[in-house]
Amino acid sequence: MILGGGVKAYVCTEPVDMRKSIDGLSQLVVPLLSGDAFSGSVFVFMSRRREKVKLLWWDRHGFWLAYKRLERGRFPRSEELARRGLSLAELTAFLEGIDLTRTRRLASVSATRIS
């Protein structure tokens, strides 16, 4: 994927028909995620059984669509993740099947000077 480290990902809590492609998914961004499809953020859509996921994002020239199907197991539930955006590292962990609701994240540091 060609994504910068500051990109946020937003997970849709409602199951989506995996037959939808770029046009269909981009039209769901506003009603389901209250987002802007052209923002450069990654929007994550899952199937009803949580074994398939599609990622949609805009990169200045057009949309990207990534699709992953698990051969065994399911992706973690997304209700907790949908309340806040995911970082690129958290999105990668989520796609690897790691349940982020059971992990602890370090607090961000706001540095103003080097001493």
PDB file of N, CA and C in Angstrom:
ATOM      1  N   MET A   1       0.841  -1.184   0.000  1.00  0.00           N
ATOM      2  CA  MET A   1       0.000   0.000   0.000  1.00  0.00           C
ATOM      3  C   MET A   1       0.880   1.239   0.000  1.00  0.00           C
ATOM      4  N   ILE A   2       0.400   2.257  -0.615  1.00  0.00           N
ATOM      5  CA  ILE A   2       1.131   3.511  -0.676  1.00  0.00           C
ATOM      6  C   ILE A   2       0.416   4.505   0.213  1.00  0.00           C
ATOM      7  N   LEU A   3       0.704   4.442   1.505  1.00  0.00           N
ATOM      8  CA  LEU A   3       0.047   5.295   2.487  1.00  0.00           C
ATOM      9  C   LEU A   3       1.099   5.923   3.380  1.00  0.00           C
ATOM     10  N   GLY A   4       0.862   7.171   3.763  1.00  0.00           N
ATOM     11  CA  GLY A   4       1.765   7.840   4.690  1.00  0.00           C
ATOM     12  C   GLY A   4       1.476   7.446   6.123  1.00  0.00           C
ATOM     13  N   GLY A   5       2.427   7.684   6.998  1.00  0.00           N
ATOM     14  CA  GLY A   5       2.280   7.315   8.400  1.00  0.00           C
ATOM     15  C   GLY A   5       1.196   8.074   9.135  1.00  0.00           C
ATOM     16  N   GLY A   6       0.829   9.261   8.657  1.00  0.00           N
ATOM     17  CA  GLY A   6      -0.189  10.065   9.329  1.00  0.00           C
ATOM     18  C   GLY A   6      -1.605   9.783   8.879  1.00  0.00           C
ATOM     19  N   VAL A   7      -1.790   8.788   8.046  1.00  0.00           N
ATOM     20  CA  VAL A   7      -3.118   8.468   7.523  1.00  0.00           C
ATOM     21  C   VAL A   7      -3.971   7.845   8.620  1.00  0.00           C
ATOM     22  N   LYS A   8      -5.233   8.233   8.671  1.00  0.00           N
ATOM     23  CA  LYS A   8      -6.191   7.639   9.599  1.00  0.00           C
ATOM     24  C   LYS A   8      -7.082   6.673   8.838  1.00  0.00           C
ATOM     25  N   ALA A   9      -7.507   5.615   9.512  1.00  0.00           N
ATOM     26  CA  ALA A   9      -8.430   4.639   8.936  1.00  0.00           C
ATOM     27  C   ALA A   9      -9.694   4.625   9.788  1.00  0.00           C
ATOM     28  N   TYR A  10     -10.828   4.534   9.132  1.00  0.00           N
ATOM     29  CA  TYR A  10     -12.115   4.524   9.812  1.00  0.00           C
ATOM     30  C   TYR A  10     -12.858   3.247   9.447  1.00  0.00           C
ATOM     31  N   VAL A  11     -13.328   2.532  10.472  1.00  0.00           N
ATOM     32  CA  VAL A  11     -13.953   1.229  10.294  1.00  0.00           C
ATOM     33  C   VAL A  11     -15.466   1.375  10.324  1.00  0.00           C
ATOM     34  N   CYS A  12     -16.127   0.819   9.338  1.00  0.00           N
ATOM     35  CA  CYS A  12     -17.584   0.816   9.270  1.00  0.00           C
ATOM     36  C   CYS A  12     -18.112  -0.325  10.136  1.00  0.00           C
ATOM     37  N   THR A  13     -19.051  -0.024  11.036  1.00  0.00           N
ATOM     38  CA  THR A  13     -19.581  -1.058  11.926  1.00  0.00           C
ATOM     39  C   THR A  13     -20.671  -1.884  11.281  1.00  0.00           C
ATOM     40  N   GLU A  14     -21.315  -1.349  10.261  1.00  0.00           N
ATOM     41  CA  GLU A  14     -22.377  -2.090   9.594  1.00  0.00           C
ATOM     42  C   GLU A  14     -21.779  -2.986   8.511  1.00  0.00           C
ATOM     43  N   PRO A  15     -22.270  -4.222   8.395  1.00  0.00           N
ATOM     44  CA  PRO A  15     -21.765  -5.093   7.329  1.00  0.00           C
ATOM     45  C   PRO A  15     -22.119  -4.536   5.960  1.00  0.00           C
ATOM     46  N   VAL A  16     -21.238  -4.765   5.001  1.00  0.00           N
ATOM     47  CA  VAL A  16     -21.398  -4.233   3.649  1.00  0.00           C
ATOM     48  C   VAL A  16     -21.376  -5.383   2.652  1.00  0.00           C
ATOM     49  N   ASP A  17     -22.150  -5.245   1.602  1.00  0.00           N
ATOM     50  CA  ASP A  17     -22.176  -6.219   0.517  1.00  0.00           C
ATOM     51  C   ASP A  17     -20.816  -6.183  -0.190  1.00  0.00           C
ATOM     52  N   MET A  18     -20.081  -7.274  -0.139  1.00  0.00           N
ATOM     53  CA  MET A  18     -18.733  -7.316  -0.703  1.00  0.00           C
ATOM     54  C   MET A  18     -18.722  -7.324  -2.228  1.00  0.00           C
ATOM     55  N   ARG A  19     -19.889  -7.348  -2.864  1.00  0.00           N
ATOM     56  CA  ARG A  19     -19.938  -7.229  -4.311  1.00  0.00           C
ATOM     57  C   ARG A  19     -19.754  -5.777  -4.748  1.00  0.00           C
ATOM     58  N   LYS A  20     -19.864  -4.839  -3.800  1.00  0.00           N
ATOM     59  CA  LYS A  20     -19.681  -3.421  -4.129  1.00  0.00           C
ATOM     60  C   LYS A  20     -18.222  -3.152  -4.458  1.00  0.00           C
ATOM     61  N   SER A  21     -18.015  -2.271  -5.417  1.00  0.00           N
ATOM     62  CA  SER A  21     -16.667  -1.892  -5.812  1.00  0.00           C
ATOM     63  C   SER A  21     -16.433  -0.433  -5.442  1.00  0.00           C
ATOM     64  N   ILE A  22     -15.529   0.227  -6.126  1.00  0.00           N
ATOM     65  CA  ILE A  22     -15.127   1.587  -5.771  1.00  0.00           C
ATOM     66  C   ILE A  22     -16.314   2.544  -5.729  1.00  0.00           C
ATOM     67  N   ASP A  23     -17.119   2.576  -6.776  1.00  0.00           N
ATOM     68  CA  ASP A  23     -18.226   3.525  -6.818  1.00  0.00           C
ATOM     69  C   ASP A  23     -19.246   3.278  -5.713  1.00  0.00           C
ATOM     70  N   GLY A  24     -19.626   2.029  -5.514  1.00  0.00           N
ATOM     71  CA  GLY A  24     -20.604   1.697  -4.476  1.00  0.00           C
ATOM     72  C   GLY A  24     -20.106   1.985  -3.083  1.00  0.00           C
ATOM     73  N   LEU A  25     -18.846   1.637  -2.796  1.00  0.00           N
ATOM     74  CA  LEU A  25     -18.288   1.879  -1.467  1.00  0.00           C
ATOM     75  C   LEU A  25     -18.066   3.367  -1.212  1.00  0.00           C
ATOM     76  N   SER A  26     -17.619   4.109  -2.223  1.00  0.00           N
ATOM     77  CA  SER A  26     -17.386   5.540  -2.019  1.00  0.00           C
ATOM     78  C   SER A  26     -18.688   6.274  -1.706  1.00  0.00           C
ATOM     79  N   GLN A  27     -19.807   5.774  -2.217  1.00  0.00           N
ATOM     80  CA  GLN A  27     -21.098   6.377  -1.902  1.00  0.00           C
ATOM     81  C   GLN A  27     -21.567   6.053  -0.491  1.00  0.00           C
ATOM     82  N   LEU A  28     -20.982   5.048   0.158  1.00  0.00           N
ATOM     83  CA  LEU A  28     -21.346   4.687   1.533  1.00  0.00           C
ATOM     84  C   LEU A  28     -20.536   5.447   2.579  1.00  0.00           C
ATOM     85  N   VAL A  29     -19.475   6.114   2.167  1.00  0.00           N
ATOM     86  CA  VAL A  29     -18.599   6.789   3.129  1.00  0.00           C
ATOM     87  C   VAL A  29     -19.352   7.854   3.915  1.00  0.00           C
ATOM     88  N   VAL A  30     -20.132   8.693   3.259  1.00  0.00           N
ATOM     89  CA  VAL A  30     -20.844   9.768   3.956  1.00  0.00           C
ATOM     90  C   VAL A  30     -21.944   9.226   4.870  1.00  0.00           C
ATOM     91  N   PRO A  31     -22.881   8.393   4.381  1.00  0.00           N
ATOM     92  CA  PRO A  31     -23.963   7.959   5.270  1.00  0.00           C
ATOM     93  C   PRO A  31     -23.532   7.014   6.392  1.00  0.00           C
ATOM     94  N   LEU A  32     -22.545   6.157   6.159  1.00  0.00           N
ATOM     95  CA  LEU A  32     -22.166   5.173   7.180  1.00  0.00           C
ATOM     96  C   LEU A  32     -21.009   5.622   8.062  1.00  0.00           C
ATOM     97  N   LEU A  33     -20.105   6.446   7.529  1.00  0.00           N
ATOM     98  CA  LEU A  33     -18.909   6.815   8.288  1.00  0.00           C
ATOM     99  C   LEU A  33     -18.798   8.322   8.538  1.00  0.00           C
ATOM    100  N   SER A  34     -19.720   9.102   8.013  1.00  0.00           N
ATOM    101  CA  SER A  34     -19.690  10.574   8.150  1.00  0.00           C
ATOM    102  C   SER A  34     -18.336  11.130   7.728  1.00  0.00           C
ATOM    103  N   GLY A  35     -17.785  10.589   6.673  1.00  0.00           N
ATOM    104  CA  GLY A  35     -16.473  11.017   6.205  1.00  0.00           C
ATOM    105  C   GLY A  35     -16.526  11.568   4.801  1.00  0.00           C
ATOM    106  N   ASP A  36     -15.376  11.979   4.319  1.00  0.00           N
ATOM    107  CA  ASP A  36     -15.215  12.495   2.965  1.00  0.00           C
ATOM    108  C   ASP A  36     -14.367  11.491   2.195  1.00  0.00           C
ATOM    109  N   ALA A  37     -14.931  10.902   1.159  1.00  0.00           N
ATOM    110  CA  ALA A  37     -14.224   9.872   0.395  1.00  0.00           C
ATOM    111  C   ALA A  37     -12.943  10.395  -0.236  1.00  0.00           C
ATOM    112  N   PHE A  38     -12.843  11.711  -0.455  1.00  0.00           N
ATOM    113  CA  PHE A  38     -11.674  12.310  -1.101  1.00  0.00           C
ATOM    114  C   PHE A  38     -10.657  12.860  -0.100  1.00  0.00           C
ATOM    115  N   SER A  39     -10.792  12.533   1.170  1.00  0.00           N
ATOM    116  CA  SER A  39      -9.926  13.089   2.217  1.00  0.00           C
ATOM    117  C   SER A  39      -8.547  12.448   2.263  1.00  0.00           C
ATOM    118  N   GLY A  40      -8.372  11.277   1.679  1.00  0.00           N
ATOM    119  CA  GLY A  40      -7.111  10.547   1.782  1.00  0.00           C
ATOM    120  C   GLY A  40      -7.108   9.556   2.930  1.00  0.00           C
ATOM    121  N   SER A  41      -8.164   9.570   3.749  1.00  0.00           N
ATOM    122  CA  SER A  41      -8.292   8.584   4.824  1.00  0.00           C
ATOM    123  C   SER A  41      -8.647   7.231   4.224  1.00  0.00           C
ATOM    124  N   VAL A  42      -8.381   6.185   4.988  1.00  0.00           N
ATOM    125  CA  VAL A  42      -8.717   4.826   4.565  1.00  0.00           C
ATOM    126  C   VAL A  42     -10.044   4.453   5.215  1.00  0.00           C
ATOM    127  N   PHE A  43     -10.960   3.948   4.411  1.00  0.00           N
ATOM    128  CA  PHE A  43     -12.259   3.525   4.915  1.00  0.00           C
ATOM    129  C   PHE A  43     -12.340   2.008   4.811  1.00  0.00           C
ATOM    130  N   VAL A  44     -12.670   1.368   5.929  1.00  0.00           N
ATOM    131  CA  VAL A  44     -12.631  -0.088   6.056  1.00  0.00           C
ATOM    132  C   VAL A  44     -14.060  -0.624   6.112  1.00  0.00           C
ATOM    133  N   PHE A  45     -14.370  -1.537   5.207  1.00  0.00           N
ATOM    134  CA  PHE A  45     -15.693  -2.156   5.125  1.00  0.00           C
ATOM    135  C   PHE A  45     -15.545  -3.657   5.292  1.00  0.00           C
ATOM    136  N   MET A  46     -16.438  -4.259   6.111  1.00  0.00           N
ATOM    137  CA  MET A  46     -16.368  -5.698   6.352  1.00  0.00           C
ATOM    138  C   MET A  46     -17.654  -6.388   5.944  1.00  0.00           C
ATOM    139  N   SER A  47     -17.526  -7.680   5.658  1.00  0.00           N
ATOM    140  CA  SER A  47     -18.690  -8.502   5.328  1.00  0.00           C
ATOM    141  C   SER A  47     -19.428  -8.870   6.618  1.00  0.00           C
ATOM    142  N   ARG A  48     -20.616  -9.408   6.445  1.00  0.00           N
ATOM    143  CA  ARG A  48     -21.452  -9.770   7.592  1.00  0.00           C
ATOM    144  C   ARG A  48     -20.754 -10.780   8.512  1.00  0.00           C
ATOM    145  N   ARG A  49     -20.057 -11.754   7.933  1.00  0.00           N
ATOM    146  CA  ARG A  49     -19.386 -12.775   8.756  1.00  0.00           C
ATOM    147  C   ARG A  49     -17.974 -12.380   9.179  1.00  0.00           C
ATOM    148  N   ARG A  50     -17.525 -11.186   8.793  1.00  0.00           N
ATOM    149  CA  ARG A  50     -16.225 -10.635   9.169  1.00  0.00           C
ATOM    150  C   ARG A  50     -15.039 -11.468   8.676  1.00  0.00           C
ATOM    151  N   GLU A  51     -15.211 -12.176   7.562  1.00  0.00           N
ATOM    152  CA  GLU A  51     -14.085 -12.906   7.003  1.00  0.00           C
ATOM    153  C   GLU A  51     -13.520 -12.196   5.774  1.00  0.00           C
ATOM    154  N   LYS A  52     -14.193 -11.143   5.332  1.00  0.00           N
ATOM    155  CA  LYS A  52     -13.739 -10.357   4.175  1.00  0.00           C
ATOM    156  C   LYS A  52     -13.698  -8.881   4.570  1.00  0.00           C
ATOM    157  N   VAL A  53     -12.722  -8.173   4.011  1.00  0.00           N
ATOM    158  CA  VAL A  53     -12.593  -6.744   4.281  1.00  0.00           C
ATOM    159  C   VAL A  53     -12.140  -6.038   3.008  1.00  0.00           C
ATOM    160  N   LYS A  54     -12.668  -4.820   2.804  1.00  0.00           N
ATOM    161  CA  LYS A  54     -12.231  -3.982   1.692  1.00  0.00           C
ATOM    162  C   LYS A  54     -11.805  -2.634   2.249  1.00  0.00           C
ATOM    163  N   LEU A  55     -10.694  -2.125   1.719  1.00  0.00           N
ATOM    164  CA  LEU A  55     -10.166  -0.820   2.102  1.00  0.00           C
ATOM    165  C   LEU A  55     -10.285   0.103   0.899  1.00  0.00           C
ATOM    166  N   LEU A  56     -10.771   1.310   1.145  1.00  0.00           N
ATOM    167  CA  LEU A  56     -10.947   2.291   0.084  1.00  0.00           C
ATOM    168  C   LEU A  56     -10.263   3.581   0.487  1.00  0.00           C
ATOM    169  N   TRP A  57      -9.448   4.150  -0.424  1.00  0.00           N
ATOM    170  CA  TRP A  57      -8.845   5.451  -0.158  1.00  0.00           C
ATOM    171  C   TRP A  57      -8.533   6.171  -1.455  1.00  0.00           C
ATOM    172  N   TRP A  58      -8.449   7.494  -1.357  1.00  0.00           N
ATOM    173  CA  TRP A  58      -8.168   8.390  -2.476  1.00  0.00           C
ATOM    174  C   TRP A  58      -6.725   8.855  -2.367  1.00  0.00           C
ATOM    175  N   ASP A  59      -5.986   8.903  -3.495  1.00  0.00           N
ATOM    176  CA  ASP A  59      -4.581   9.316  -3.430  1.00  0.00           C
ATOM    177  C   ASP A  59      -4.217  10.443  -4.403  1.00  0.00           C
ATOM    178  N   ARG A  60      -5.049  11.390  -4.651  1.00  0.00           N
ATOM    179  CA  ARG A  60      -4.845  12.561  -5.512  1.00  0.00           C
ATOM    180  C   ARG A  60      -5.180  12.295  -6.972  1.00  0.00           C
ATOM    181  N   HIS A  61      -5.047  11.050  -7.443  1.00  0.00           N
ATOM    182  CA  HIS A  61      -5.276  10.751  -8.847  1.00  0.00           C
ATOM    183  C   HIS A  61      -6.441   9.802  -9.065  1.00  0.00           C
ATOM    184  N   GLY A  62      -6.829   9.117  -8.030  1.00  0.00           N
ATOM    185  CA  GLY A  62      -7.908   8.140  -8.149  1.00  0.00           C
ATOM    186  C   GLY A  62      -8.046   7.319  -6.888  1.00  0.00           C
ATOM    187  N   PHE A  63      -9.025   6.441  -6.895  1.00  0.00           N
ATOM    188  CA  PHE A  63      -9.279   5.585  -5.737  1.00  0.00           C
ATOM    189  C   PHE A  63      -8.463   4.308  -5.807  1.00  0.00           C
ATOM    190  N   TRP A  64      -8.070   3.838  -4.647  1.00  0.00           N
ATOM    191  CA  TRP A  64      -7.474   2.520  -4.468  1.00  0.00           C
ATOM    192  C   TRP A  64      -8.521   1.651  -3.784  1.00  0.00           C
ATOM    193  N   LEU A  65      -8.542   0.378  -4.106  1.00  0.00           N
ATOM    194  CA  LEU A  65      -9.416  -0.575  -3.439  1.00  0.00           C
ATOM    195  C   LEU A  65      -8.593  -1.822  -3.151  1.00  0.00           C
ATOM    196  N   ALA A  66      -8.498  -2.173  -1.887  1.00  0.00           N
ATOM    197  CA  ALA A  66      -7.781  -3.382  -1.477  1.00  0.00           C
ATOM    198  C   ALA A  66      -8.795  -4.354  -0.867  1.00  0.00           C
ATOM    199  N   TYR A  67      -8.600  -5.630  -1.099  1.00  0.00           N
ATOM    200  CA  TYR A  67      -9.542  -6.660  -0.650  1.00  0.00           C
ATOM    201  C   TYR A  67      -8.757  -7.795  -0.004  1.00  0.00           C
ATOM    202  N   LYS A  68      -9.241  -8.244   1.144  1.00  0.00           N
ATOM    203  CA  LYS A  68      -8.607  -9.391   1.807  1.00  0.00           C
ATOM    204  C   LYS A  68      -9.697 -10.350   2.262  1.00  0.00           C
ATOM    205  N   ARG A  69      -9.472 -11.638   1.989  1.00  0.00           N
ATOM    206  CA  ARG A  69     -10.383 -12.690   2.434  1.00  0.00           C
ATOM    207  C   ARG A  69      -9.597 -13.662   3.292  1.00  0.00           C
ATOM    208  N   LEU A  70     -10.057 -13.889   4.497  1.00  0.00           N
ATOM    209  CA  LEU A  70      -9.401 -14.845   5.381  1.00  0.00           C
ATOM    210  C   LEU A  70      -9.840 -16.255   5.018  1.00  0.00           C
ATOM    211  N   GLU A  71      -8.907 -17.162   4.971  1.00  0.00           N
ATOM    212  CA  GLU A  71      -9.220 -18.557   4.688  1.00  0.00           C
ATOM    213  C   GLU A  71      -9.675 -19.283   5.952  1.00  0.00           C
ATOM    214  N   ARG A  72      -9.293 -18.754   7.110  1.00  0.00           N
ATOM    215  CA  ARG A  72      -9.697 -19.336   8.383  1.00  0.00           C
ATOM    216  C   ARG A  72      -9.785 -18.218   9.403  1.00  0.00           C
ATOM    217  N   GLY A  73     -10.824 -18.203  10.206  1.00  0.00           N
ATOM    218  CA  GLY A  73     -10.975 -17.195  11.244  1.00  0.00           C
ATOM    219  C   GLY A  73     -11.763 -15.983  10.772  1.00  0.00           C
ATOM    220  N   ARG A  74     -11.844 -14.983  11.668  1.00  0.00           N
ATOM    221  CA  ARG A  74     -12.587 -13.762  11.396  1.00  0.00           C
ATOM    222  C   ARG A  74     -11.817 -12.564  11.900  1.00  0.00           C
ATOM    223  N   PHE A  75     -12.107 -11.420  11.300  1.00  0.00           N
ATOM    224  CA  PHE A  75     -11.524 -10.184  11.800  1.00  0.00           C
ATOM    225  C   PHE A  75     -12.182  -9.832  13.125  1.00  0.00           C
ATOM    226  N   PRO A  76     -11.458  -9.121  14.014  1.00  0.00           N
ATOM    227  CA  PRO A  76     -12.048  -8.717  15.295  1.00  0.00           C
ATOM    228  C   PRO A  76     -13.261  -7.816  15.090  1.00  0.00           C
ATOM    229  N   ARG A  77     -14.139  -7.782  16.081  1.00  0.00           N
ATOM    230  CA  ARG A  77     -15.309  -6.895  16.021  1.00  0.00           C
ATOM    231  C   ARG A  77     -14.838  -5.451  15.933  1.00  0.00           C
ATOM    232  N   SER A  78     -15.608  -4.633  15.242  1.00  0.00           N
ATOM    233  CA  SER A  78     -15.150  -3.282  14.950  1.00  0.00           C
ATOM    234  C   SER A  78     -15.876  -2.181  15.712  1.00  0.00           C
ATOM    235  N   GLU A  79     -16.830  -2.488  16.557  1.00  0.00           N
ATOM    236  CA  GLU A  79     -17.615  -1.452  17.225  1.00  0.00           C
ATOM    237  C   GLU A  79     -16.739  -0.511  18.048  1.00  0.00           C
ATOM    238  N   GLU A  80     -15.817  -1.051  18.801  1.00  0.00           N
ATOM    239  CA  GLU A  80     -14.930  -0.230  19.621  1.00  0.00           C
ATOM    240  C   GLU A  80     -13.994   0.611  18.762  1.00  0.00           C
ATOM    241  N   LEU A  81     -13.524   0.041  17.668  1.00  0.00           N
ATOM    242  CA  LEU A  81     -12.588   0.742  16.790  1.00  0.00           C
ATOM    243  C   LEU A  81     -13.253   1.864  16.011  1.00  0.00           C
ATOM    244  N   ALA A  82     -14.548   1.743  15.777  1.00  0.00           N
ATOM    245  CA  ALA A  82     -15.254   2.738  14.968  1.00  0.00           C
ATOM    246  C   ALA A  82     -15.398   4.073  15.700  1.00  0.00           C
ATOM    247  N   ARG A  83     -15.268   4.078  16.997  1.00  0.00           N
ATOM    248  CA  ARG A  83     -15.427   5.321  17.757  1.00  0.00           C
ATOM    249  C   ARG A  83     -14.289   6.303  17.515  1.00  0.00           C
ATOM    250  N   ARG A  84     -13.137   5.781  17.101  1.00  0.00           N
ATOM    251  CA  ARG A  84     -11.981   6.635  16.841  1.00  0.00           C
ATOM    252  C   ARG A  84     -11.297   6.126  15.576  1.00  0.00           C
ATOM    253  N   GLY A  85     -10.525   6.945  14.963  1.00  0.00           N
ATOM    254  CA  GLY A  85      -9.784   6.504  13.789  1.00  0.00           C
ATOM    255  C   GLY A  85      -8.597   5.647  14.185  1.00  0.00           C
ATOM    256  N   LEU A  86      -8.186   4.782  13.290  1.00  0.00           N
ATOM    257  CA  LEU A  86      -7.022   3.935  13.524  1.00  0.00           C
ATOM    258  C   LEU A  86      -5.801   4.553  12.857  1.00  0.00           C
ATOM    259  N   SER A  87      -4.651   4.375  13.472  1.00  0.00           N
ATOM    260  CA  SER A  87      -3.405   4.772  12.822  1.00  0.00           C
ATOM    261  C   SER A  87      -3.051   3.701  11.794  1.00  0.00           C
ATOM    262  N   LEU A  88      -2.069   3.981  10.969  1.00  0.00           N
ATOM    263  CA  LEU A  88      -1.635   3.007   9.968  1.00  0.00           C
ATOM    264  C   LEU A  88      -1.117   1.730  10.637  1.00  0.00           C
ATOM    265  N   ALA A  89      -0.399   1.884  11.740  1.00  0.00           N
ATOM    266  CA  ALA A  89       0.109   0.713  12.468  1.00  0.00           C
ATOM    267  C   ALA A  89      -1.049  -0.115  13.039  1.00  0.00           C
ATOM    268  N   GLU A  90      -2.068   0.554  13.572  1.00  0.00           N
ATOM    269  CA  GLU A  90      -3.220  -0.165  14.120  1.00  0.00           C
ATOM    270  C   GLU A  90      -4.013  -0.855  13.017  1.00  0.00           C
ATOM    271  N   LEU A  91      -4.123  -0.208  11.854  1.00  0.00           N
ATOM    272  CA  LEU A  91      -4.817  -0.828  10.719  1.00  0.00           C
ATOM    273  C   LEU A  91      -4.085  -2.097  10.289  1.00  0.00           C
ATOM    274  N   THR A  92      -2.776  -2.037  10.222  1.00  0.00           N
ATOM    275  CA  THR A  92      -1.984  -3.209   9.851  1.00  0.00           C
ATOM    276  C   THR A  92      -2.199  -4.340  10.851  1.00  0.00           C
ATOM    277  N   ALA A  93      -2.188  -4.022  12.139  1.00  0.00           N
ATOM    278  CA  ALA A  93      -2.428  -5.038  13.173  1.00  0.00           C
ATOM    279  C   ALA A  93      -3.835  -5.624  13.046  1.00  0.00           C
ATOM    280  N   PHE A  94      -4.824  -4.759  12.802  1.00  0.00           N
ATOM    281  CA  PHE A  94      -6.201  -5.212  12.627  1.00  0.00           C
ATOM    282  C   PHE A  94      -6.303  -6.187  11.455  1.00  0.00           C
ATOM    283  N   LEU A  95      -5.652  -5.860  10.346  1.00  0.00           N
ATOM    284  CA  LEU A  95      -5.695  -6.725   9.165  1.00  0.00           C
ATOM    285  C   LEU A  95      -4.963  -8.046   9.393  1.00  0.00           C
ATOM    286  N   GLU A  96      -4.069  -8.073  10.379  1.00  0.00           N
ATOM    287  CA  GLU A  96      -3.389  -9.317  10.754  1.00  0.00           C
ATOM    288  C   GLU A  96      -4.224 -10.136  11.737  1.00  0.00           C
ATOM    289  N   GLY A  97      -5.381  -9.606  12.143  1.00  0.00           N
ATOM    290  CA  GLY A  97      -6.277 -10.336  13.036  1.00  0.00           C
ATOM    291  C   GLY A  97      -6.071 -10.049  14.510  1.00  0.00           C
ATOM    292  N   ILE A  98      -5.288  -9.046  14.838  1.00  0.00           N
ATOM    293  CA  ILE A  98      -5.037  -8.705  16.239  1.00  0.00           C
ATOM    294  C   ILE A  98      -6.214  -7.898  16.775  1.00  0.00           C
ATOM    295  N   ASP A  99      -6.763  -8.315  17.908  1.00  0.00           N
ATOM    296  CA  ASP A  99      -7.886  -7.626  18.533  1.00  0.00           C
ATOM    297  C   ASP A  99      -7.344  -6.415  19.283  1.00  0.00           C
ATOM    298  N   LEU A 100      -7.502  -5.242  18.720  1.00  0.00           N
ATOM    299  CA  LEU A 100      -6.942  -4.025  19.305  1.00  0.00           C
ATOM    300  C   LEU A 100      -7.666  -3.572  20.561  1.00  0.00           C
ATOM    301  N   THR A 101      -8.859  -4.088  20.815  1.00  0.00           N
ATOM    302  CA  THR A 101      -9.575  -3.707  22.036  1.00  0.00           C
ATOM    303  C   THR A 101      -8.952  -4.361  23.266  1.00  0.00           C
ATOM    304  N   ARG A 102      -8.106  -5.363  23.055  1.00  0.00           N
ATOM    305  CA  ARG A 102      -7.449  -6.049  24.177  1.00  0.00           C
ATOM    306  C   ARG A 102      -6.005  -5.608  24.374  1.00  0.00           C
ATOM    307  N   THR A 103      -5.593  -4.622  23.615  1.00  0.00           N
ATOM    308  CA  THR A 103      -4.226  -4.123  23.743  1.00  0.00           C
ATOM    309  C   THR A 103      -4.241  -2.734  24.364  1.00  0.00           C
ATOM    310  N   ARG A 104      -3.103  -2.326  24.872  1.00  0.00           N
ATOM    311  CA  ARG A 104      -2.979  -0.998  25.474  1.00  0.00           C
ATOM    312  C   ARG A 104      -2.044  -0.174  24.605  1.00  0.00           C
ATOM    313  N   ARG A 105      -2.448   1.039  24.331  1.00  0.00           N
ATOM    314  CA  ARG A 105      -1.649   1.933  23.496  1.00  0.00           C
ATOM    315  C   ARG A 105      -0.948   2.959  24.376  1.00  0.00           C
ATOM    316  N   LEU A 106       0.313   3.242  24.067  1.00  0.00           N
ATOM    317  CA  LEU A 106       1.040   4.272  24.797  1.00  0.00           C
ATOM    318  C   LEU A 106       0.455   5.640  24.493  1.00  0.00           C
ATOM    319  N   ALA A 107       0.504   6.512  25.463  1.00  0.00           N
ATOM    320  CA  ALA A 107       0.005   7.869  25.269  1.00  0.00           C
ATOM    321  C   ALA A 107       0.924   8.628  24.319  1.00  0.00           C
ATOM    322  N   SER A 108       0.328   9.502  23.512  1.00  0.00           N
ATOM    323  CA  SER A 108       1.117  10.319  22.588  1.00  0.00           C
ATOM    324  C   SER A 108       1.884  11.382  23.370  1.00  0.00           C
ATOM    325  N   VAL A 109       3.052  11.737  22.864  1.00  0.00           N
ATOM    326  CA  VAL A 109       3.902  12.744  23.501  1.00  0.00           C
ATOM    327  C   VAL A 109       3.891  13.989  22.641  1.00  0.00           C
ATOM    328  N   SER A 110       3.629  15.138  23.247  1.00  0.00           N
ATOM    329  CA  SER A 110       3.682  16.418  22.542  1.00  0.00           C
ATOM    330  C   SER A 110       4.956  17.129  22.949  1.00  0.00           C
ATOM    331  N   ALA A 111       6.001  16.956  22.163  1.00  0.00           N
ATOM    332  CA  ALA A 111       7.289  17.559  22.493  1.00  0.00           C
ATOM    333  C   ALA A 111       7.347  18.968  21.893  1.00  0.00           C
ATOM    334  N   THR A 112       7.975  19.896  22.635  1.00  0.00           N
ATOM    335  CA  THR A 112       8.088  21.271  22.145  1.00  0.00           C
ATOM    336  C   THR A 112       9.546  21.694  21.971  1.00  0.00           C
ATOM    337  N   ARG A 113      10.474  20.983  22.619  1.00  0.00           N
ATOM    338  CA  ARG A 113      11.886  21.337  22.480  1.00  0.00           C
ATOM    339  C   ARG A 113      12.747  20.117  22.781  1.00  0.00           C
ATOM    340  N   ILE A 114      13.984  20.192  22.337  1.00  0.00           N
ATOM    341  CA  ILE A 114      14.968  19.148  22.590  1.00  0.00           C
ATOM    342  C   ILE A 114      15.916  19.664  23.654  1.00  0.00           C
ATOM    343  N   SER A 115      16.154  18.860  24.681  1.00  0.00           N
ATOM    344  CA  SER A 115      17.073  19.325  25.733  1.00  0.00           C
ATOM    345  C   SER A 115      18.220  18.392  25.926  1.00  0.00           C
TER     346      SER A 115
END
